[in-house]
Amino acid sequence: MSWIVLIISGVLEAVWATALGKSEGLTRLWPSVIFGVGLILSMLGLAFAMRDIATGTAYAVWVGIGATLTVIWAMITGDTEISWLRILLLMGLVGCIVGLKLIGPGHE
């Protein structure tokens, strides 16, 4: 259950990061509201997941998911250039996230 919550929290990190960028310094109402709600839910989920998952692993997975999805969304919407190098680096990041899950707590 903790891993599912952590993944959802990582997705919410991408939501609040994107909303923060669209809020123009927290001056636009709806992006600012989405930022605040997303931030709170994401942090609560991370805190919940860290009860069962080591802090370093949980944080790295959370940030990795959020960063990856934020960049993918920016490429889809045209805010960031799509390049093969960028895609390759994102695949490497995802591979590292999966690796942290696979090595499990006995290898920390």
N, C-alpha and C. Protein backbone atom coordinates (compact mmCIF):
# COMPACT_ATOMS: atom_id res chain seq x y z
N MET A 1 0.82 -1.20 0.00
CA MET A 1 0.00 0.00 0.00
C MET A 1 0.86 1.26 0.00
N SER A 2 1.98 1.23 0.74
CA SER A 2 2.84 2.40 0.81
C SER A 2 3.41 2.78 -0.55
N TRP A 3 3.73 1.77 -1.35
CA TRP A 3 4.28 2.06 -2.68
C TRP A 3 3.23 2.69 -3.58
N ILE A 4 2.01 2.25 -3.49
CA ILE A 4 0.93 2.84 -4.29
C ILE A 4 0.73 4.30 -3.90
N VAL A 5 0.69 4.56 -2.60
CA VAL A 5 0.53 5.93 -2.11
C VAL A 5 1.72 6.78 -2.55
N LEU A 6 2.92 6.22 -2.51
CA LEU A 6 4.10 6.96 -2.93
C LEU A 6 4.03 7.33 -4.41
N ILE A 7 3.60 6.41 -5.23
CA ILE A 7 3.47 6.69 -6.67
C ILE A 7 2.43 7.78 -6.91
N ILE A 8 1.30 7.69 -6.24
CA ILE A 8 0.27 8.73 -6.38
C ILE A 8 0.81 10.08 -5.91
N SER A 9 1.57 10.07 -4.83
CA SER A 9 2.17 11.30 -4.32
C SER A 9 3.16 11.88 -5.31
N GLY A 10 3.91 11.02 -6.01
CA GLY A 10 4.82 11.48 -7.04
C GLY A 10 4.09 12.13 -8.20
N VAL A 11 2.95 11.55 -8.57
CA VAL A 11 2.11 12.15 -9.62
C VAL A 11 1.62 13.52 -9.16
N LEU A 12 1.19 13.60 -7.91
CA LEU A 12 0.73 14.88 -7.37
C LEU A 12 1.85 15.91 -7.30
N GLU A 13 3.09 15.45 -7.13
CA GLU A 13 4.21 16.38 -7.16
C GLU A 13 4.31 17.04 -8.53
N ALA A 14 4.13 16.24 -9.58
CA ALA A 14 4.16 16.80 -10.94
C ALA A 14 3.01 17.79 -11.13
N VAL A 15 1.85 17.49 -10.53
CA VAL A 15 0.69 18.39 -10.65
C VAL A 15 0.99 19.72 -9.98
N TRP A 16 1.48 19.68 -8.73
CA TRP A 16 1.71 20.96 -8.06
C TRP A 16 2.87 21.72 -8.66
N ALA A 17 3.90 21.03 -9.15
CA ALA A 17 5.03 21.73 -9.78
C ALA A 17 4.57 22.44 -11.06
N THR A 18 3.76 21.76 -11.85
CA THR A 18 3.24 22.36 -13.07
C THR A 18 2.32 23.53 -12.74
N ALA A 19 1.45 23.35 -11.75
CA ALA A 19 0.53 24.43 -11.35
C ALA A 19 1.30 25.63 -10.82
N LEU A 20 2.37 25.39 -10.08
CA LEU A 20 3.18 26.49 -9.57
C LEU A 20 3.75 27.30 -10.72
N GLY A 21 4.23 26.62 -11.74
CA GLY A 21 4.75 27.33 -12.91
C GLY A 21 3.69 28.13 -13.63
N LYS A 22 2.47 27.63 -13.65
CA LYS A 22 1.37 28.32 -14.33
C LYS A 22 0.73 29.41 -13.47
N SER A 23 1.07 29.46 -12.19
CA SER A 23 0.43 30.41 -11.28
C SER A 23 0.98 31.83 -11.38
N GLU A 24 2.07 32.00 -12.13
CA GLU A 24 2.70 33.31 -12.29
C GLU A 24 2.98 33.95 -10.92
N GLY A 25 3.75 33.21 -10.11
CA GLY A 25 4.11 33.74 -8.78
C GLY A 25 2.95 33.74 -7.82
N LEU A 26 2.07 32.77 -7.94
CA LEU A 26 0.88 32.62 -7.10
C LEU A 26 -0.08 33.81 -7.25
N THR A 27 -0.10 34.41 -8.44
CA THR A 27 -1.01 35.53 -8.69
C THR A 27 -2.26 35.10 -9.45
N ARG A 28 -2.29 33.90 -10.00
CA ARG A 28 -3.48 33.40 -10.71
C ARG A 28 -4.19 32.42 -9.79
N LEU A 29 -5.49 32.61 -9.63
CA LEU A 29 -6.26 31.88 -8.62
C LEU A 29 -6.22 30.37 -8.80
N TRP A 30 -6.72 29.85 -9.92
CA TRP A 30 -6.89 28.40 -10.02
C TRP A 30 -5.58 27.64 -10.05
N PRO A 31 -4.57 28.09 -10.78
CA PRO A 31 -3.30 27.38 -10.66
C PRO A 31 -2.73 27.42 -9.24
N SER A 32 -2.96 28.53 -8.52
CA SER A 32 -2.50 28.63 -7.14
C SER A 32 -3.25 27.67 -6.23
N VAL A 33 -4.55 27.53 -6.44
CA VAL A 33 -5.35 26.59 -5.65
C VAL A 33 -4.91 25.15 -5.93
N ILE A 34 -4.72 24.83 -7.20
CA ILE A 34 -4.27 23.48 -7.57
C ILE A 34 -2.89 23.22 -6.97
N PHE A 35 -2.03 24.22 -7.01
CA PHE A 35 -0.71 24.09 -6.39
C PHE A 35 -0.84 23.75 -4.90
N GLY A 36 -1.63 24.52 -4.18
CA GLY A 36 -1.76 24.32 -2.73
C GLY A 36 -2.34 22.96 -2.37
N VAL A 37 -3.41 22.58 -3.03
CA VAL A 37 -4.06 21.29 -2.75
C VAL A 37 -3.12 20.15 -3.15
N GLY A 38 -2.51 20.25 -4.33
CA GLY A 38 -1.59 19.22 -4.78
C GLY A 38 -0.40 19.06 -3.85
N LEU A 39 0.14 20.19 -3.39
CA LEU A 39 1.29 20.16 -2.48
C LEU A 39 0.94 19.46 -1.17
N ILE A 40 -0.18 19.84 -0.59
CA ILE A 40 -0.58 19.25 0.70
C ILE A 40 -0.82 17.74 0.54
N LEU A 41 -1.58 17.35 -0.48
CA LEU A 41 -1.86 15.92 -0.67
C LEU A 41 -0.59 15.13 -0.99
N SER A 42 0.29 15.72 -1.78
CA SER A 42 1.54 15.05 -2.13
C SER A 42 2.41 14.84 -0.89
N MET A 43 2.52 15.85 -0.05
CA MET A 43 3.33 15.74 1.16
C MET A 43 2.72 14.75 2.16
N LEU A 44 1.42 14.76 2.29
CA LEU A 44 0.77 13.80 3.18
C LEU A 44 1.01 12.38 2.71
N GLY A 45 0.91 12.16 1.40
CA GLY A 45 1.17 10.83 0.85
C GLY A 45 2.61 10.41 1.04
N LEU A 46 3.55 11.33 0.84
CA LEU A 46 4.96 11.02 1.06
C LEU A 46 5.21 10.66 2.52
N ALA A 47 4.63 11.44 3.43
CA ALA A 47 4.79 11.15 4.86
C ALA A 47 4.22 9.79 5.21
N PHE A 48 3.06 9.44 4.65
CA PHE A 48 2.45 8.14 4.90
C PHE A 48 3.36 7.03 4.39
N ALA A 49 3.87 7.17 3.17
CA ALA A 49 4.71 6.14 2.57
C ALA A 49 6.01 5.95 3.34
N MET A 50 6.53 7.02 3.92
CA MET A 50 7.80 6.94 4.64
C MET A 50 7.69 6.20 5.96
N ARG A 51 6.49 5.83 6.35
CA ARG A 51 6.35 4.99 7.54
C ARG A 51 6.87 3.59 7.26
N ASP A 52 6.80 3.13 6.00
CA ASP A 52 7.21 1.78 5.64
C ASP A 52 8.39 1.73 4.67
N ILE A 53 8.69 2.83 4.02
CA ILE A 53 9.75 2.88 3.02
C ILE A 53 10.85 3.81 3.56
N ALA A 54 12.10 3.39 3.42
CA ALA A 54 13.22 4.19 3.91
C ALA A 54 13.17 5.59 3.32
N THR A 55 13.56 6.56 4.12
CA THR A 55 13.47 7.96 3.72
C THR A 55 14.18 8.24 2.40
N GLY A 56 15.40 7.79 2.26
CA GLY A 56 16.16 8.04 1.04
C GLY A 56 15.49 7.46 -0.19
N THR A 57 15.03 6.24 -0.07
CA THR A 57 14.36 5.58 -1.19
C THR A 57 13.04 6.28 -1.52
N ALA A 58 12.24 6.54 -0.49
CA ALA A 58 10.93 7.17 -0.72
C ALA A 58 11.10 8.54 -1.36
N TYR A 59 12.02 9.32 -0.85
CA TYR A 59 12.21 10.67 -1.39
C TYR A 59 12.72 10.63 -2.82
N ALA A 60 13.68 9.76 -3.09
CA ALA A 60 14.23 9.66 -4.44
C ALA A 60 13.16 9.21 -5.44
N VAL A 61 12.34 8.25 -5.06
CA VAL A 61 11.27 7.78 -5.95
C VAL A 61 10.24 8.89 -6.16
N TRP A 62 9.86 9.56 -5.08
CA TRP A 62 8.87 10.65 -5.15
C TRP A 62 9.34 11.75 -6.08
N VAL A 63 10.59 12.21 -5.88
CA VAL A 63 11.14 13.27 -6.72
C VAL A 63 11.29 12.79 -8.16
N GLY A 64 11.76 11.56 -8.34
CA GLY A 64 11.96 11.03 -9.68
C GLY A 64 10.67 10.95 -10.48
N ILE A 65 9.62 10.46 -9.85
CA ILE A 65 8.32 10.39 -10.52
C ILE A 65 7.83 11.80 -10.85
N GLY A 66 7.90 12.69 -9.88
CA GLY A 66 7.44 14.06 -10.11
C GLY A 66 8.22 14.76 -11.20
N ALA A 67 9.54 14.64 -11.17
CA ALA A 67 10.37 15.30 -12.18
C ALA A 67 10.12 14.72 -13.56
N THR A 68 10.05 13.41 -13.65
CA THR A 68 9.83 12.76 -14.94
C THR A 68 8.50 13.19 -15.55
N LEU A 69 7.44 13.12 -14.76
CA LEU A 69 6.13 13.50 -15.28
C LEU A 69 6.03 14.98 -15.61
N THR A 70 6.71 15.82 -14.83
CA THR A 70 6.70 17.25 -15.11
C THR A 70 7.35 17.53 -16.47
N VAL A 71 8.47 16.89 -16.73
CA VAL A 71 9.15 17.09 -18.01
C VAL A 71 8.33 16.52 -19.16
N ILE A 72 7.76 15.33 -18.96
CA ILE A 72 6.93 14.73 -20.01
C ILE A 72 5.75 15.65 -20.34
N TRP A 73 5.10 16.17 -19.31
CA TRP A 73 3.96 17.07 -19.54
C TRP A 73 4.41 18.33 -20.28
N ALA A 74 5.56 18.86 -19.90
CA ALA A 74 6.08 20.05 -20.58
C ALA A 74 6.38 19.77 -22.05
N MET A 75 6.86 18.57 -22.35
CA MET A 75 7.12 18.21 -23.75
C MET A 75 5.80 18.04 -24.51
N ILE A 76 4.81 17.44 -23.88
CA ILE A 76 3.50 17.24 -24.53
C ILE A 76 2.84 18.58 -24.84
N THR A 77 2.92 19.51 -23.90
CA THR A 77 2.25 20.80 -24.08
C THR A 77 3.08 21.81 -24.88
N GLY A 78 4.30 21.46 -25.20
CA GLY A 78 5.14 22.35 -26.00
C GLY A 78 5.94 23.35 -25.19
N ASP A 79 5.91 23.26 -23.87
CA ASP A 79 6.69 24.17 -23.03
C ASP A 79 8.18 23.83 -23.03
N THR A 80 8.51 22.58 -23.39
CA THR A 80 9.89 22.10 -23.43
C THR A 80 10.10 21.37 -24.75
N GLU A 81 11.26 21.55 -25.31
CA GLU A 81 11.61 20.89 -26.57
C GLU A 81 11.71 19.38 -26.39
N ILE A 82 11.20 18.64 -27.36
CA ILE A 82 11.33 17.19 -27.35
C ILE A 82 12.63 16.83 -28.07
N SER A 83 13.45 16.02 -27.41
CA SER A 83 14.68 15.56 -28.05
C SER A 83 14.94 14.12 -27.62
N TRP A 84 15.67 13.41 -28.46
CA TRP A 84 16.00 12.01 -28.14
C TRP A 84 16.86 11.93 -26.90
N LEU A 85 17.76 12.89 -26.71
CA LEU A 85 18.60 12.90 -25.53
C LEU A 85 17.76 13.08 -24.27
N ARG A 86 16.81 14.00 -24.32
CA ARG A 86 15.93 14.22 -23.17
C ARG A 86 15.12 12.95 -22.85
N ILE A 87 14.61 12.30 -23.88
CA ILE A 87 13.85 11.06 -23.69
C ILE A 87 14.75 9.97 -23.10
N LEU A 88 15.98 9.85 -23.60
CA LEU A 88 16.92 8.85 -23.09
C LEU A 88 17.24 9.11 -21.62
N LEU A 89 17.46 10.36 -21.27
CA LEU A 89 17.74 10.69 -19.87
C LEU A 89 16.55 10.40 -18.96
N LEU A 90 15.34 10.68 -19.44
CA LEU A 90 14.15 10.36 -18.65
C LEU A 90 14.01 8.85 -18.47
N MET A 91 14.33 8.08 -19.51
CA MET A 91 14.28 6.62 -19.40
C MET A 91 15.29 6.13 -18.36
N GLY A 92 16.46 6.76 -18.31
CA GLY A 92 17.45 6.42 -17.29
C GLY A 92 16.94 6.72 -15.90
N LEU A 93 16.28 7.85 -15.75
CA LEU A 93 15.72 8.23 -14.46
C LEU A 93 14.65 7.22 -14.02
N VAL A 94 13.78 6.85 -14.94
CA VAL A 94 12.74 5.86 -14.63
C VAL A 94 13.39 4.52 -14.27
N GLY A 95 14.44 4.15 -14.99
CA GLY A 95 15.16 2.91 -14.66
C GLY A 95 15.73 2.94 -13.26
N CYS A 96 16.25 4.07 -12.83
CA CYS A 96 16.77 4.19 -11.47
C CYS A 96 15.66 4.09 -10.43
N ILE A 97 14.51 4.67 -10.72
CA ILE A 97 13.37 4.58 -9.80
C ILE A 97 12.94 3.13 -9.65
N VAL A 98 12.81 2.43 -10.77
CA VAL A 98 12.43 1.01 -10.72
C VAL A 98 13.49 0.21 -9.96
N GLY A 99 14.76 0.53 -10.20
CA GLY A 99 15.84 -0.16 -9.50
C GLY A 99 15.75 0.01 -7.99
N LEU A 100 15.43 1.21 -7.53
CA LEU A 100 15.28 1.43 -6.08
C LEU A 100 14.17 0.57 -5.51
N LYS A 101 13.10 0.39 -6.27
CA LYS A 101 12.00 -0.47 -5.80
C LYS A 101 12.44 -1.93 -5.78
N LEU A 102 13.17 -2.34 -6.80
CA LEU A 102 13.54 -3.76 -6.92
C LEU A 102 14.58 -4.22 -5.91
N ILE A 103 15.48 -3.34 -5.50
CA ILE A 103 16.52 -3.80 -4.56
C ILE A 103 15.97 -4.05 -3.17
N GLY A 104 14.87 -3.42 -2.83
CA GLY A 104 14.19 -3.69 -1.57
C GLY A 104 14.97 -3.26 -0.36
N PRO A 105 14.37 -3.43 0.82
CA PRO A 105 14.97 -2.92 2.06
C PRO A 105 16.20 -3.71 2.51
N GLY A 106 16.40 -4.92 2.05
CA GLY A 106 17.56 -5.72 2.48
C GLY A 106 18.86 -5.23 1.91
N HIS A 107 18.83 -4.32 0.95
CA HIS A 107 20.03 -3.86 0.28
C HIS A 107 20.41 -2.43 0.64
N GLU A 108 19.75 -1.86 1.61
CA GLU A 108 20.01 -0.45 1.95
C GLU A 108 21.14 -0.35 2.91
